[in-house]
Amino acid sequence: MRLHSGSEIAPLVFLGDCMKTAWFRLSVYLGLVVVFGGGMTNAQQSAPMAVAPIPPQLLNAKTVFISNAGSDSGLFPHPFTGDPDRAYNEFYAGVVSWGRYRLTESPAEADLVFELQLMAPNGPSNADKSKGASDPLPMLRLVIYDRPTHYVLWALTESIAPAGRQKTHDHNFDEAVASLVLDAGRLTKSLPNGMH
């Protein structure tokens, strides 16, 4: 067995000091990366997302024609009271309450066409929501067209919540129409003060 002399141990001690220094530098570097890298990640996450522009036709229009695209069958008189024009009449009254547009009797006279439809989509009841499916609830769909070009500028959809009683069905129907009126008014910057 051979004993090490002091001169052979010195390089090992020196190597140990280098390792300590290297580990210290690595620890400081990683600590700085975590501190400053995390701050950059937080700064990136808190930055607001860019907002896509709203077509100027929606903001500059003076005249609107409201089109009744109808209702799917099987919604009146149950689960909703009234007739298939109920959504159209309530939506029309909501737009009139804005006082923003002159409503026309013909689409040819309008800058925009608001097409309203009440739909009852087919599909499974109690679909598996964990897989991205949803219940096929009745919904109101508003499609806003640029009348001169006939292009769709925007579309809004409002589902009508399910209910067990006739009175609640009707309340949910009215709430969905009111929400659609509010959404369209916000989009077109048409709501009077206090309605936001």
N, C-alpha and C. Protein backbone atom coordinates (compact mmCIF):
# COMPACT_ATOMS: atom_id res chain seq x y z
N MET A 1 0.85 -1.15 0.00
CA MET A 1 0.00 0.00 0.00
C MET A 1 0.89 1.22 0.00
N ARG A 2 0.55 2.15 -0.73
CA ARG A 2 1.39 3.31 -0.87
C ARG A 2 0.74 4.50 -0.19
N LEU A 3 1.42 5.26 0.54
CA LEU A 3 0.93 6.46 1.20
C LEU A 3 1.15 7.65 0.29
N HIS A 4 0.21 8.54 0.35
CA HIS A 4 0.34 9.73 -0.48
C HIS A 4 1.14 10.77 0.25
N SER A 5 1.98 11.36 -0.48
CA SER A 5 2.74 12.47 0.10
C SER A 5 1.90 13.73 0.00
N GLY A 6 2.27 14.76 0.72
CA GLY A 6 1.56 16.04 0.72
C GLY A 6 1.46 16.66 -0.65
N SER A 7 2.46 16.42 -1.50
CA SER A 7 2.44 17.02 -2.82
C SER A 7 1.38 16.39 -3.71
N GLU A 8 1.03 15.13 -3.44
CA GLU A 8 0.00 14.48 -4.24
C GLU A 8 -1.39 14.88 -3.76
N ILE A 9 -1.55 15.25 -2.51
CA ILE A 9 -2.86 15.65 -1.97
C ILE A 9 -3.19 17.08 -2.38
N ALA A 10 -2.21 17.92 -2.51
CA ALA A 10 -2.44 19.33 -2.84
C ALA A 10 -3.26 19.51 -4.11
N PRO A 11 -2.97 18.76 -5.22
CA PRO A 11 -3.80 18.93 -6.40
C PRO A 11 -5.26 18.55 -6.12
N LEU A 12 -5.50 17.55 -5.26
CA LEU A 12 -6.87 17.16 -4.94
C LEU A 12 -7.57 18.25 -4.15
N VAL A 13 -6.86 18.89 -3.22
CA VAL A 13 -7.44 19.99 -2.46
C VAL A 13 -7.76 21.15 -3.39
N PHE A 14 -6.84 21.43 -4.31
CA PHE A 14 -7.05 22.50 -5.28
C PHE A 14 -8.25 22.19 -6.16
N LEU A 15 -8.36 20.92 -6.60
CA LEU A 15 -9.49 20.50 -7.41
C LEU A 15 -10.79 20.64 -6.63
N GLY A 16 -10.77 20.35 -5.35
CA GLY A 16 -11.95 20.51 -4.49
C GLY A 16 -12.34 21.97 -4.39
N ASP A 17 -11.40 22.88 -4.27
CA ASP A 17 -11.70 24.32 -4.22
C ASP A 17 -12.30 24.79 -5.54
N CYS A 18 -11.78 24.29 -6.65
CA CYS A 18 -12.32 24.66 -7.97
C CYS A 18 -13.76 24.18 -8.10
N MET A 19 -14.01 22.96 -7.61
CA MET A 19 -15.37 22.42 -7.68
C MET A 19 -16.33 23.25 -6.84
N LYS A 20 -15.87 23.67 -5.65
CA LYS A 20 -16.72 24.51 -4.80
C LYS A 20 -17.03 25.82 -5.50
N THR A 21 -16.01 26.42 -6.12
CA THR A 21 -16.20 27.68 -6.84
C THR A 21 -17.14 27.49 -8.01
N ALA A 22 -16.95 26.39 -8.75
CA ALA A 22 -17.82 26.11 -9.91
C ALA A 22 -19.27 25.91 -9.46
N TRP A 23 -19.46 25.14 -8.37
CA TRP A 23 -20.81 24.93 -7.85
C TRP A 23 -21.42 26.24 -7.35
N PHE A 24 -20.64 27.06 -6.72
CA PHE A 24 -21.13 28.35 -6.24
C PHE A 24 -21.56 29.22 -7.42
N ARG A 25 -20.72 29.29 -8.45
CA ARG A 25 -21.06 30.09 -9.63
C ARG A 25 -22.31 29.55 -10.32
N LEU A 26 -22.41 28.25 -10.45
CA LEU A 26 -23.57 27.62 -11.06
C LEU A 26 -24.83 27.93 -10.26
N SER A 27 -24.74 27.86 -8.94
CA SER A 27 -25.89 28.15 -8.08
C SER A 27 -26.34 29.60 -8.22
N VAL A 28 -25.36 30.52 -8.24
CA VAL A 28 -25.69 31.93 -8.42
C VAL A 28 -26.34 32.16 -9.78
N TYR A 29 -25.77 31.57 -10.81
CA TYR A 29 -26.31 31.71 -12.16
C TYR A 29 -27.75 31.20 -12.23
N LEU A 30 -27.97 29.98 -11.74
CA LEU A 30 -29.33 29.42 -11.75
C LEU A 30 -30.30 30.26 -10.92
N GLY A 31 -29.82 30.77 -9.79
CA GLY A 31 -30.66 31.64 -8.97
C GLY A 31 -31.06 32.90 -9.72
N LEU A 32 -30.12 33.49 -10.44
CA LEU A 32 -30.43 34.69 -11.23
C LEU A 32 -31.40 34.38 -12.35
N VAL A 33 -31.23 33.23 -12.98
CA VAL A 33 -32.14 32.83 -14.05
C VAL A 33 -33.55 32.68 -13.50
N VAL A 34 -33.67 32.05 -12.35
CA VAL A 34 -34.99 31.86 -11.74
C VAL A 34 -35.60 33.20 -11.37
N VAL A 35 -34.83 34.06 -10.73
CA VAL A 35 -35.36 35.35 -10.28
C VAL A 35 -35.73 36.23 -11.46
N PHE A 36 -34.80 36.42 -12.39
CA PHE A 36 -35.06 37.32 -13.50
C PHE A 36 -35.90 36.68 -14.59
N GLY A 37 -35.70 35.40 -14.81
CA GLY A 37 -36.50 34.69 -15.79
C GLY A 37 -37.95 34.62 -15.36
N GLY A 38 -38.20 34.38 -14.08
CA GLY A 38 -39.58 34.36 -13.57
C GLY A 38 -40.22 35.71 -13.67
N GLY A 39 -39.45 36.76 -13.42
CA GLY A 39 -39.98 38.12 -13.54
C GLY A 39 -40.36 38.43 -14.97
N MET A 40 -39.55 37.94 -15.92
CA MET A 40 -39.88 38.18 -17.32
C MET A 40 -41.12 37.40 -17.71
N THR A 41 -41.27 36.18 -17.19
CA THR A 41 -42.46 35.40 -17.48
C THR A 41 -43.69 36.10 -16.93
N ASN A 42 -43.62 36.61 -15.70
CA ASN A 42 -44.75 37.33 -15.13
C ASN A 42 -45.06 38.58 -15.93
N ALA A 43 -44.02 39.28 -16.38
CA ALA A 43 -44.25 40.48 -17.18
C ALA A 43 -44.92 40.12 -18.50
N GLN A 44 -44.52 39.00 -19.11
CA GLN A 44 -45.12 38.59 -20.35
C GLN A 44 -46.57 38.18 -20.15
N GLN A 45 -46.87 37.52 -19.04
CA GLN A 45 -48.22 37.08 -18.79
C GLN A 45 -49.15 38.23 -18.44
N SER A 46 -48.64 39.25 -17.79
CA SER A 46 -49.50 40.34 -17.38
C SER A 46 -49.72 41.36 -18.49
N ALA A 47 -48.96 41.27 -19.58
CA ALA A 47 -49.15 42.19 -20.69
C ALA A 47 -50.51 41.91 -21.32
N PRO A 48 -51.30 42.95 -21.59
CA PRO A 48 -52.63 42.73 -22.18
C PRO A 48 -52.53 42.18 -23.60
N MET A 49 -53.47 41.33 -23.92
CA MET A 49 -53.50 40.78 -25.26
C MET A 49 -53.95 41.86 -26.23
N ALA A 50 -53.48 41.78 -27.44
CA ALA A 50 -53.89 42.72 -28.47
C ALA A 50 -55.37 42.52 -28.75
N VAL A 51 -56.09 43.60 -28.92
CA VAL A 51 -57.51 43.53 -29.20
C VAL A 51 -57.71 43.73 -30.70
N ALA A 52 -58.39 42.79 -31.32
CA ALA A 52 -58.65 42.89 -32.75
C ALA A 52 -59.62 44.05 -33.00
N PRO A 53 -59.48 44.71 -34.13
CA PRO A 53 -60.34 45.86 -34.40
C PRO A 53 -61.79 45.45 -34.69
N ILE A 54 -62.69 46.32 -34.35
CA ILE A 54 -64.10 46.15 -34.69
C ILE A 54 -64.30 46.79 -36.06
N PRO A 55 -64.97 46.11 -36.98
CA PRO A 55 -65.17 46.71 -38.31
C PRO A 55 -65.80 48.10 -38.19
N PRO A 56 -65.25 49.09 -38.87
CA PRO A 56 -65.75 50.45 -38.74
C PRO A 56 -67.22 50.62 -39.16
N GLN A 57 -67.70 49.74 -40.03
CA GLN A 57 -69.10 49.83 -40.43
C GLN A 57 -70.03 49.71 -39.23
N LEU A 58 -69.62 48.90 -38.23
CA LEU A 58 -70.46 48.73 -37.04
C LEU A 58 -70.56 50.01 -36.23
N LEU A 59 -69.52 50.82 -36.27
CA LEU A 59 -69.48 52.04 -35.47
C LEU A 59 -70.00 53.26 -36.24
N ASN A 60 -69.94 53.20 -37.56
CA ASN A 60 -70.31 54.37 -38.37
C ASN A 60 -71.71 54.30 -38.96
N ALA A 61 -72.37 53.18 -38.86
CA ALA A 61 -73.69 53.01 -39.48
C ALA A 61 -74.72 53.95 -38.85
N LYS A 62 -75.64 54.41 -39.68
CA LYS A 62 -76.73 55.29 -39.23
C LYS A 62 -78.08 54.59 -39.31
N THR A 63 -78.19 53.62 -40.24
CA THR A 63 -79.47 52.95 -40.46
C THR A 63 -79.30 51.44 -40.34
N VAL A 64 -80.33 50.78 -39.83
CA VAL A 64 -80.31 49.34 -39.63
C VAL A 64 -81.65 48.75 -40.05
N PHE A 65 -81.58 47.60 -40.70
CA PHE A 65 -82.75 46.79 -40.96
C PHE A 65 -82.64 45.55 -40.08
N ILE A 66 -83.69 45.25 -39.32
CA ILE A 66 -83.69 44.06 -38.47
C ILE A 66 -84.48 42.97 -39.19
N SER A 67 -83.78 41.89 -39.48
CA SER A 67 -84.35 40.78 -40.24
C SER A 67 -84.73 39.65 -39.28
N ASN A 68 -85.92 39.11 -39.46
CA ASN A 68 -86.39 37.98 -38.66
C ASN A 68 -86.11 36.71 -39.44
N ALA A 69 -85.04 36.00 -39.08
CA ALA A 69 -84.69 34.75 -39.77
C ALA A 69 -85.49 33.57 -39.22
N GLY A 70 -86.45 33.84 -38.33
CA GLY A 70 -87.37 32.82 -37.87
C GLY A 70 -86.89 32.01 -36.68
N SER A 71 -87.72 31.03 -36.35
CA SER A 71 -87.46 30.14 -35.21
C SER A 71 -87.58 28.70 -35.68
N ASP A 72 -86.74 27.85 -35.14
CA ASP A 72 -86.86 26.43 -35.44
C ASP A 72 -88.16 25.91 -34.84
N SER A 73 -88.67 24.84 -35.40
CA SER A 73 -89.94 24.28 -34.92
C SER A 73 -89.76 23.62 -33.56
N GLY A 74 -90.86 23.47 -32.86
CA GLY A 74 -90.85 22.77 -31.59
C GLY A 74 -90.53 23.61 -30.38
N LEU A 75 -90.46 24.94 -30.52
CA LEU A 75 -90.14 25.81 -29.38
C LEU A 75 -91.35 26.56 -28.84
N PHE A 76 -92.44 26.63 -29.62
CA PHE A 76 -93.64 27.34 -29.19
C PHE A 76 -94.84 26.43 -29.40
N PRO A 77 -95.75 26.32 -28.52
CA PRO A 77 -95.94 27.04 -27.27
C PRO A 77 -95.19 26.43 -26.10
N HIS A 78 -94.49 25.33 -26.32
CA HIS A 78 -93.68 24.78 -25.23
C HIS A 78 -92.32 24.44 -25.78
N PRO A 79 -91.23 24.84 -25.19
CA PRO A 79 -91.10 25.29 -23.81
C PRO A 79 -91.37 26.78 -23.60
N PHE A 80 -91.55 27.56 -24.69
CA PHE A 80 -91.74 29.01 -24.53
C PHE A 80 -93.15 29.41 -24.91
N THR A 81 -93.71 30.36 -24.15
CA THR A 81 -95.04 30.87 -24.50
C THR A 81 -94.89 31.91 -25.61
N GLY A 82 -96.02 32.23 -26.22
CA GLY A 82 -95.99 33.21 -27.31
C GLY A 82 -95.92 32.51 -28.65
N ASP A 83 -95.35 33.21 -29.62
CA ASP A 83 -95.25 32.65 -30.96
C ASP A 83 -93.81 32.78 -31.48
N PRO A 84 -93.54 32.25 -32.65
CA PRO A 84 -92.18 32.28 -33.18
C PRO A 84 -91.59 33.68 -33.40
N ASP A 85 -92.41 34.71 -33.40
CA ASP A 85 -91.92 36.09 -33.57
C ASP A 85 -91.53 36.75 -32.24
N ARG A 86 -91.69 36.05 -31.15
CA ARG A 86 -91.43 36.63 -29.83
C ARG A 86 -90.01 37.19 -29.71
N ALA A 87 -89.00 36.44 -30.11
CA ALA A 87 -87.61 36.91 -30.01
C ALA A 87 -87.40 38.15 -30.87
N TYR A 88 -87.93 38.13 -32.09
CA TYR A 88 -87.80 39.27 -33.00
C TYR A 88 -88.42 40.53 -32.40
N ASN A 89 -89.63 40.40 -31.86
CA ASN A 89 -90.32 41.56 -31.28
C ASN A 89 -89.55 42.13 -30.08
N GLU A 90 -89.06 41.25 -29.20
CA GLU A 90 -88.31 41.72 -28.03
C GLU A 90 -86.97 42.35 -28.44
N PHE A 91 -86.29 41.74 -29.39
CA PHE A 91 -85.01 42.28 -29.85
C PHE A 91 -85.21 43.63 -30.54
N TYR A 92 -86.23 43.74 -31.37
CA TYR A 92 -86.54 44.98 -32.07
C TYR A 92 -86.78 46.11 -31.06
N ALA A 93 -87.57 45.82 -30.05
CA ALA A 93 -87.85 46.83 -29.01
C ALA A 93 -86.57 47.24 -28.28
N GLY A 94 -85.66 46.28 -28.05
CA GLY A 94 -84.40 46.59 -27.39
C GLY A 94 -83.53 47.52 -28.22
N VAL A 95 -83.45 47.28 -29.52
CA VAL A 95 -82.65 48.14 -30.41
C VAL A 95 -83.26 49.52 -30.49
N VAL A 96 -84.58 49.61 -30.55
CA VAL A 96 -85.25 50.91 -30.57
C VAL A 96 -84.90 51.69 -29.30
N SER A 97 -84.79 51.01 -28.16
CA SER A 97 -84.51 51.69 -26.89
C SER A 97 -83.13 52.35 -26.88
N TRP A 98 -82.22 51.91 -27.74
CA TRP A 98 -80.91 52.55 -27.81
C TRP A 98 -81.00 53.98 -28.32
N GLY A 99 -81.91 54.21 -29.27
CA GLY A 99 -82.03 55.53 -29.87
C GLY A 99 -80.86 55.88 -30.79
N ARG A 100 -80.09 54.92 -31.19
CA ARG A 100 -78.87 55.17 -31.98
C ARG A 100 -79.11 55.11 -33.48
N TYR A 101 -79.88 54.13 -33.94
CA TYR A 101 -80.08 53.91 -35.36
C TYR A 101 -81.47 54.33 -35.80
N ARG A 102 -81.55 54.70 -37.07
CA ARG A 102 -82.86 54.85 -37.72
C ARG A 102 -83.15 53.48 -38.32
N LEU A 103 -84.24 52.85 -37.86
CA LEU A 103 -84.60 51.53 -38.36
C LEU A 103 -85.38 51.68 -39.66
N THR A 104 -84.98 50.88 -40.65
CA THR A 104 -85.59 51.00 -41.97
C THR A 104 -86.59 49.88 -42.20
N GLU A 105 -87.48 50.09 -43.16
CA GLU A 105 -88.47 49.08 -43.51
C GLU A 105 -87.97 48.13 -44.59
N SER A 106 -86.84 48.47 -45.18
CA SER A 106 -86.29 47.67 -46.27
C SER A 106 -84.77 47.55 -46.08
N PRO A 107 -84.22 46.38 -46.35
CA PRO A 107 -82.76 46.25 -46.24
C PRO A 107 -82.02 47.14 -47.24
N ALA A 108 -82.63 47.45 -48.36
CA ALA A 108 -81.99 48.29 -49.37
C ALA A 108 -81.68 49.69 -48.85
N GLU A 109 -82.41 50.14 -47.82
CA GLU A 109 -82.22 51.48 -47.26
C GLU A 109 -81.24 51.50 -46.09
N ALA A 110 -80.73 50.35 -45.69
CA ALA A 110 -79.95 50.25 -44.46
C ALA A 110 -78.45 50.16 -44.71
N ASP A 111 -77.69 50.62 -43.72
CA ASP A 111 -76.23 50.43 -43.73
C ASP A 111 -75.88 49.03 -43.24
N LEU A 112 -76.60 48.57 -42.22
CA LEU A 112 -76.38 47.25 -41.63
C LEU A 112 -77.68 46.46 -41.62
N VAL A 113 -77.55 45.14 -41.66
CA VAL A 113 -78.69 44.25 -41.47
C VAL A 113 -78.38 43.40 -40.24
N PHE A 114 -79.29 43.44 -39.26
CA PHE A 114 -79.21 42.59 -38.08
C PHE A 114 -80.15 41.41 -38.33
N GLU A 115 -79.61 40.23 -38.53
CA GLU A 115 -80.44 39.05 -38.79
C GLU A 115 -80.53 38.22 -37.52
N LEU A 116 -81.73 38.07 -36.99
CA LEU A 116 -81.96 37.34 -35.74
C LEU A 116 -82.64 36.02 -36.02
N GLN A 117 -82.12 34.95 -35.41
CA GLN A 117 -82.71 33.63 -35.55
C GLN A 117 -82.72 32.92 -34.21
N LEU A 118 -83.82 32.24 -33.91
CA LEU A 118 -83.94 31.39 -32.73
C LEU A 118 -83.78 29.95 -33.19
N MET A 119 -82.74 29.28 -32.67
CA MET A 119 -82.41 27.93 -33.13
C MET A 119 -82.56 26.92 -32.00
N ALA A 120 -82.93 25.71 -32.39
CA ALA A 120 -82.99 24.59 -31.46
C ALA A 120 -82.13 23.48 -32.04
N PRO A 121 -80.82 23.50 -31.75
CA PRO A 121 -79.93 22.51 -32.37
C PRO A 121 -80.22 21.09 -31.89
N ASN A 122 -80.00 20.15 -32.79
CA ASN A 122 -80.14 18.73 -32.44
C ASN A 122 -78.85 18.25 -31.81
N GLY A 123 -78.94 17.26 -30.97
CA GLY A 123 -77.74 16.70 -30.37
C GLY A 123 -78.09 15.92 -29.13
N PRO A 124 -77.06 15.31 -28.53
CA PRO A 124 -77.32 14.48 -27.35
C PRO A 124 -77.68 15.30 -26.13
N SER A 125 -78.59 14.77 -25.34
CA SER A 125 -78.90 15.39 -24.06
C SER A 125 -77.88 14.88 -23.05
N ASN A 126 -77.44 15.75 -22.15
CA ASN A 126 -76.43 15.40 -21.15
C ASN A 126 -75.13 14.90 -21.78
N ALA A 127 -74.64 15.65 -22.77
CA ALA A 127 -73.39 15.28 -23.45
C ALA A 127 -72.22 15.36 -22.47
N ASP A 128 -71.14 14.63 -22.78
CA ASP A 128 -69.96 14.58 -21.93
C ASP A 128 -69.15 15.86 -22.09
N LYS A 129 -69.31 16.79 -21.16
CA LYS A 129 -68.64 18.09 -21.24
C LYS A 129 -67.13 17.98 -21.09
N SER A 130 -66.65 16.91 -20.43
CA SER A 130 -65.20 16.74 -20.27
C SER A 130 -64.52 16.46 -21.60
N LYS A 131 -65.29 16.08 -22.61
CA LYS A 131 -64.74 15.82 -23.94
C LYS A 131 -65.06 16.94 -24.92
N GLY A 132 -65.53 18.08 -24.38
CA GLY A 132 -65.79 19.23 -25.23
C GLY A 132 -67.19 19.31 -25.80
N ALA A 133 -68.04 18.37 -25.47
CA ALA A 133 -69.41 18.40 -25.98
C ALA A 133 -70.26 19.30 -25.09
N SER A 134 -71.35 19.77 -25.62
CA SER A 134 -72.25 20.59 -24.82
C SER A 134 -73.69 20.17 -25.10
N ASP A 135 -74.56 20.50 -24.17
CA ASP A 135 -75.97 20.21 -24.37
C ASP A 135 -76.50 21.10 -25.48
N PRO A 136 -77.38 20.58 -26.31
CA PRO A 136 -77.93 21.39 -27.40
C PRO A 136 -79.06 22.30 -26.89
N LEU A 137 -78.69 23.40 -26.29
CA LEU A 137 -79.68 24.33 -25.76
C LEU A 137 -80.21 25.22 -26.88
N PRO A 138 -81.48 25.64 -26.78
CA PRO A 138 -81.97 26.63 -27.74
C PRO A 138 -81.11 27.89 -27.63
N MET A 139 -80.90 28.55 -28.75
CA MET A 139 -80.06 29.74 -28.72
C MET A 139 -80.54 30.78 -29.72
N LEU A 140 -80.23 32.01 -29.38
CA LEU A 140 -80.49 33.14 -30.27
C LEU A 140 -79.20 33.46 -30.98
N ARG A 141 -79.28 33.65 -32.27
CA ARG A 141 -78.10 33.98 -33.07
C ARG A 141 -78.38 35.28 -33.83
N LEU A 142 -77.49 36.24 -33.61
CA LEU A 142 -77.57 37.52 -34.32
C LEU A 142 -76.38 37.60 -35.26
N VAL A 143 -76.66 37.74 -36.54
CA VAL A 143 -75.61 37.92 -37.54
C VAL A 143 -75.77 39.34 -38.08
N ILE A 144 -74.67 40.09 -38.05
CA ILE A 144 -74.69 41.49 -38.51
C ILE A 144 -73.97 41.56 -39.85
N TYR A 145 -74.71 41.98 -40.87
CA TYR A 145 -74.19 42.09 -42.23
C TYR A 145 -73.95 43.54 -42.60
N ASP A 146 -72.92 43.75 -43.42
CA ASP A 146 -72.74 45.01 -44.10
C ASP A 146 -73.65 44.95 -45.32
N ARG A 147 -74.72 45.72 -45.32
CA ARG A 147 -75.72 45.60 -46.37
C ARG A 147 -75.14 45.86 -47.77
N PRO A 148 -74.31 46.88 -47.98
CA PRO A 148 -73.82 47.10 -49.34
C PRO A 148 -72.99 45.94 -49.90
N THR A 149 -72.20 45.29 -49.06
CA THR A 149 -71.33 44.21 -49.55
C THR A 149 -71.88 42.81 -49.27
N HIS A 150 -72.85 42.71 -48.39
CA HIS A 150 -73.47 41.44 -47.97
C HIS A 150 -72.49 40.55 -47.20
N TYR A 151 -71.42 41.12 -46.69
CA TYR A 151 -70.48 40.34 -45.88
C TYR A 151 -70.89 40.36 -44.42
N VAL A 152 -70.64 39.23 -43.76
CA VAL A 152 -70.88 39.15 -42.31
C VAL A 152 -69.79 39.95 -41.62
N LEU A 153 -70.20 40.91 -40.79
CA LEU A 153 -69.25 41.70 -40.02
C LEU A 153 -69.03 41.11 -38.63
N TRP A 154 -70.09 40.54 -38.07
CA TRP A 154 -70.00 40.02 -36.70
C TRP A 154 -71.16 39.06 -36.48
N ALA A 155 -70.99 38.15 -35.53
CA ALA A 155 -72.08 37.26 -35.13
C ALA A 155 -72.03 37.08 -33.62
N LEU A 156 -73.17 37.07 -33.01
CA LEU A 156 -73.30 36.89 -31.56
C LEU A 156 -74.30 35.76 -31.30
N THR A 157 -74.03 34.97 -30.28
CA THR A 157 -74.93 33.87 -29.92
C THR A 157 -75.18 33.91 -28.43
N GLU A 158 -76.42 33.68 -28.06
CA GLU A 158 -76.79 33.65 -26.64
C GLU A 158 -77.65 32.41 -26.41
N SER A 159 -77.16 31.49 -25.58
CA SER A 159 -77.92 30.29 -25.25
C SER A 159 -79.03 30.62 -24.25
N ILE A 160 -80.09 29.86 -24.33
CA ILE A 160 -81.21 30.02 -23.40
C ILE A 160 -81.08 28.90 -22.37
N ALA A 161 -80.92 29.28 -21.11
CA ALA A 161 -80.69 28.31 -20.03
C ALA A 161 -81.90 27.38 -19.89
N PRO A 162 -81.64 26.13 -19.54
CA PRO A 162 -82.74 25.17 -19.36
C PRO A 162 -83.53 25.47 -18.09
N ALA A 163 -84.73 24.94 -18.03
CA ALA A 163 -85.58 25.15 -16.86
C ALA A 163 -86.55 23.99 -16.75
N GLY A 164 -87.17 23.88 -15.60
CA GLY A 164 -88.14 22.82 -15.36
C GLY A 164 -89.58 23.31 -15.42
N ARG A 165 -89.78 24.62 -15.25
CA ARG A 165 -91.15 25.17 -15.22
C ARG A 165 -91.33 26.16 -16.38
N GLN A 166 -92.56 26.29 -16.84
CA GLN A 166 -92.88 27.20 -17.94
C GLN A 166 -92.48 28.63 -17.62
N LYS A 167 -92.78 29.08 -16.42
CA LYS A 167 -92.46 30.46 -16.04
C LYS A 167 -90.95 30.71 -16.09
N THR A 168 -90.16 29.72 -15.66
CA THR A 168 -88.70 29.87 -15.68
C THR A 168 -88.18 29.80 -17.11
N HIS A 169 -88.77 28.95 -17.95
CA HIS A 169 -88.39 28.92 -19.37
C HIS A 169 -88.57 30.32 -19.98
N ASP A 170 -89.72 30.92 -19.71
CA ASP A 170 -90.00 32.25 -20.28
C ASP A 170 -89.06 33.30 -19.72
N HIS A 171 -88.75 33.22 -18.43
CA HIS A 171 -87.81 34.17 -17.84
C HIS A 171 -86.43 34.03 -18.49
N ASN A 172 -85.97 32.78 -18.67
CA ASN A 172 -84.66 32.54 -19.28
C ASN A 172 -84.63 33.01 -20.73
N PHE A 173 -85.75 32.88 -21.42
CA PHE A 173 -85.87 33.37 -22.80
C PHE A 173 -85.68 34.88 -22.82
N ASP A 174 -86.42 35.58 -21.95
CA ASP A 174 -86.32 37.04 -21.87
C ASP A 174 -84.91 37.49 -21.50
N GLU A 175 -84.27 36.77 -20.59
CA GLU A 175 -82.90 37.09 -20.18
C GLU A 175 -81.93 36.93 -21.35
N ALA A 176 -82.11 35.89 -22.15
CA ALA A 176 -81.22 35.66 -23.30
C ALA A 176 -81.39 36.77 -24.34
N VAL A 177 -82.62 37.19 -24.59
CA VAL A 177 -82.85 38.29 -25.54
C VAL A 177 -82.22 39.57 -25.00
N ALA A 178 -82.43 39.86 -23.72
CA ALA A 178 -81.86 41.07 -23.12
C ALA A 178 -80.33 41.04 -23.18
N SER A 179 -79.73 39.88 -22.94
CA SER A 179 -78.27 39.76 -23.02
C SER A 179 -77.77 39.99 -24.44
N LEU A 180 -78.50 39.48 -25.42
CA LEU A 180 -78.12 39.67 -26.82
C LEU A 180 -78.23 41.14 -27.21
N VAL A 181 -79.27 41.81 -26.76
CA VAL A 181 -79.43 43.26 -27.02
C VAL A 181 -78.27 44.02 -26.39
N LEU A 182 -77.92 43.65 -25.16
CA LEU A 182 -76.82 44.31 -24.46
C LEU A 182 -75.48 44.07 -25.17
N ASP A 183 -75.23 42.82 -25.57
CA ASP A 183 -73.98 42.49 -26.27
C ASP A 183 -73.87 43.26 -27.60
N ALA A 184 -74.96 43.29 -28.35
CA ALA A 184 -74.95 44.01 -29.63
C ALA A 184 -74.76 45.51 -29.39
N GLY A 185 -75.39 46.04 -28.35
CA GLY A 185 -75.24 47.46 -28.03
C GLY A 185 -73.83 47.81 -27.62
N ARG A 186 -73.20 46.95 -26.85
CA ARG A 186 -71.80 47.18 -26.47
C ARG A 186 -70.90 47.15 -27.69
N LEU A 187 -71.12 46.17 -28.55
CA LEU A 187 -70.31 46.01 -29.75
C LEU A 187 -70.38 47.24 -30.65
N THR A 188 -71.56 47.76 -30.83
CA THR A 188 -71.76 48.88 -31.75
C THR A 188 -71.69 50.24 -31.04
N LYS A 189 -71.35 50.20 -29.76
CA LYS A 189 -71.25 51.44 -28.95
C LYS A 189 -72.57 52.24 -29.04
N SER A 190 -73.68 51.50 -28.91
CA SER A 190 -75.00 52.09 -29.07
C SER A 190 -75.76 52.30 -27.77
N LEU A 191 -75.26 51.78 -26.66
CA LEU A 191 -76.02 51.82 -25.43
C LEU A 191 -76.05 53.22 -24.85
N PRO A 192 -77.21 53.64 -24.39
CA PRO A 192 -77.29 54.93 -23.69
C PRO A 192 -76.49 54.86 -22.38
N ASN A 193 -76.11 55.99 -21.85
CA ASN A 193 -75.39 56.03 -20.57
C ASN A 193 -76.20 55.30 -19.51
N GLY A 194 -75.49 54.53 -18.70
CA GLY A 194 -76.15 53.81 -17.62
C GLY A 194 -76.59 52.40 -18.00
N MET A 195 -76.58 52.04 -19.28
CA MET A 195 -77.00 50.69 -19.71
C MET A 195 -75.84 49.73 -19.84
N HIS A 196 -74.63 50.16 -19.58
CA HIS A 196 -73.48 49.30 -19.81
C HIS A 196 -73.45 48.24 -18.75
